[in-house]
Structures are given as structure tokens and as C-alpha cells.
């Protein structure tokens, strides 16, 4: 199997996208449209998502990816 994590090109999204309230609610799992079928997001997972969102809003894609891949939460999800 070939890994493409390091070779992935950034999506053509502006940093402002990471500041959009509707996007942030969906990214952080706080929209709760259908709680019966949606997976739950723990407090720790939500904290990780918020920190990733902050890095992405600052244009720090590599740091966000490193933080996400280093997190034990990403390995257990």
C-alpha cells in the first residue's frame, strides 16, 4: 500500500473558510442534526478539532497535520 499523507496537496480553500461559523460547527461536530445516527465526539476529540481548526485558520497546514497525526485520539478513532 502506498501512503499519500506527505504528498497531499492543500485544498484550494482560503483561510477565511476556517473562520466560517457554519463550517466550524460541522467541523467541530457541534451541529447535532441527528444525534441518533451521528457518532459522538468526546471532549478530548472536540478539543483536538478546535486546535486543528485554529492552526488551519492561521494557514499552518503542516503543523495541523503533524498535530493530528501525532495525537493518540486520531489513532483510536
Protein backbone atom coordinates (compact mmCIF):
# COMPACT_ATOMS: atom_id res chain seq x y z
CA UNK A 1 0.00 0.00 0.00
CA UNK A 2 1.29 3.46 -0.88
CA UNK A 3 0.94 6.26 1.65
CA UNK A 4 -0.01 9.66 0.28
CA UNK A 5 -0.21 11.62 3.54
CA UNK A 6 3.01 13.51 2.90
CA UNK A 7 2.23 14.06 -0.78
CA UNK A 8 -1.25 15.51 -0.37
CA UNK A 9 -1.72 18.91 -1.93
CA UNK A 10 -3.59 21.53 0.08
CA UNK A 11 -7.20 22.08 -0.87
CA UNK A 12 -7.80 25.42 -2.58
CA UNK A 13 -9.55 26.94 0.43
CA UNK A 14 -8.92 30.35 1.85
CA UNK A 15 -8.02 30.80 5.50
CA UNK A 16 -11.36 32.57 5.90
CA UNK A 17 -13.10 29.24 5.29
CA UNK A 18 -11.69 28.09 8.64
CA UNK A 19 -13.35 31.08 10.30
CA UNK A 20 -16.84 30.49 8.85
CA UNK A 21 -19.28 29.76 11.70
CA UNK A 22 -21.34 27.16 9.77
CA UNK A 23 -18.22 25.28 8.67
CA UNK A 24 -16.73 25.35 12.17
CA UNK A 25 -19.90 23.90 13.68
CA UNK A 26 -19.82 20.99 11.25
CA UNK A 27 -16.03 20.51 11.53
CA UNK A 28 -16.12 20.51 15.32
CA UNK A 29 -19.09 18.18 15.45
CA UNK A 30 -21.33 20.61 17.29
CA UNK A 31 -24.23 20.70 14.84
CA UNK A 32 -26.04 17.60 16.24
CA UNK A 33 -28.52 17.35 13.36
CA UNK A 34 -29.39 13.71 14.02
CA UNK A 35 -27.85 12.57 17.29
CA UNK A 36 -29.36 9.08 16.94
CA UNK A 37 -27.11 8.17 14.00
CA UNK A 38 -24.17 10.58 14.25
CA UNK A 39 -21.10 9.43 16.13
CA UNK A 40 -20.48 11.17 19.42
CA UNK A 41 -17.48 13.44 19.80
CA UNK A 42 -15.73 13.35 23.16
CA UNK A 43 -14.48 16.45 24.95
CA UNK A 44 -10.89 15.45 24.13
CA UNK A 45 -11.73 14.90 20.44
CA UNK A 46 -13.53 18.23 20.28
CA UNK A 47 -10.51 19.95 21.86
CA UNK A 48 -8.24 18.41 19.24
CA UNK A 49 -10.58 19.51 16.44
CA UNK A 50 -10.70 23.06 17.78
CA UNK A 51 -6.90 23.25 17.99
CA UNK A 52 -6.61 21.89 14.42
CA UNK A 53 -9.17 24.44 13.26
CA UNK A 54 -7.15 27.26 14.85
CA UNK A 55 -3.96 26.16 13.12
CA UNK A 56 -5.75 25.87 9.77
CA UNK A 57 -7.26 29.36 10.19
CA UNK A 58 -3.72 30.69 10.63
CA UNK A 59 -2.59 28.89 7.45
CA UNK A 60 -0.45 26.41 9.40
CA UNK A 61 -1.49 23.31 7.45
CA UNK A 62 1.70 21.32 8.09
CA UNK A 63 1.53 21.98 11.84
CA UNK A 64 -2.15 20.98 11.89
CA UNK A 65 -1.41 17.74 10.04
CA UNK A 66 1.51 16.96 12.36
CA UNK A 67 -0.62 17.60 15.46
CA UNK A 68 -3.42 15.44 14.12
CA UNK A 69 -1.24 12.51 13.12
CA UNK A 70 0.70 12.64 16.41
CA UNK A 71 -2.45 12.54 18.51
CA UNK A 72 -3.41 9.21 20.10
CA UNK A 73 -7.03 10.29 19.53
CA UNK A 74 -6.55 10.04 15.77
CA UNK A 75 -5.21 6.52 16.14
CA UNK A 76 -8.17 5.37 18.25
CA UNK A 77 -10.96 6.95 16.19
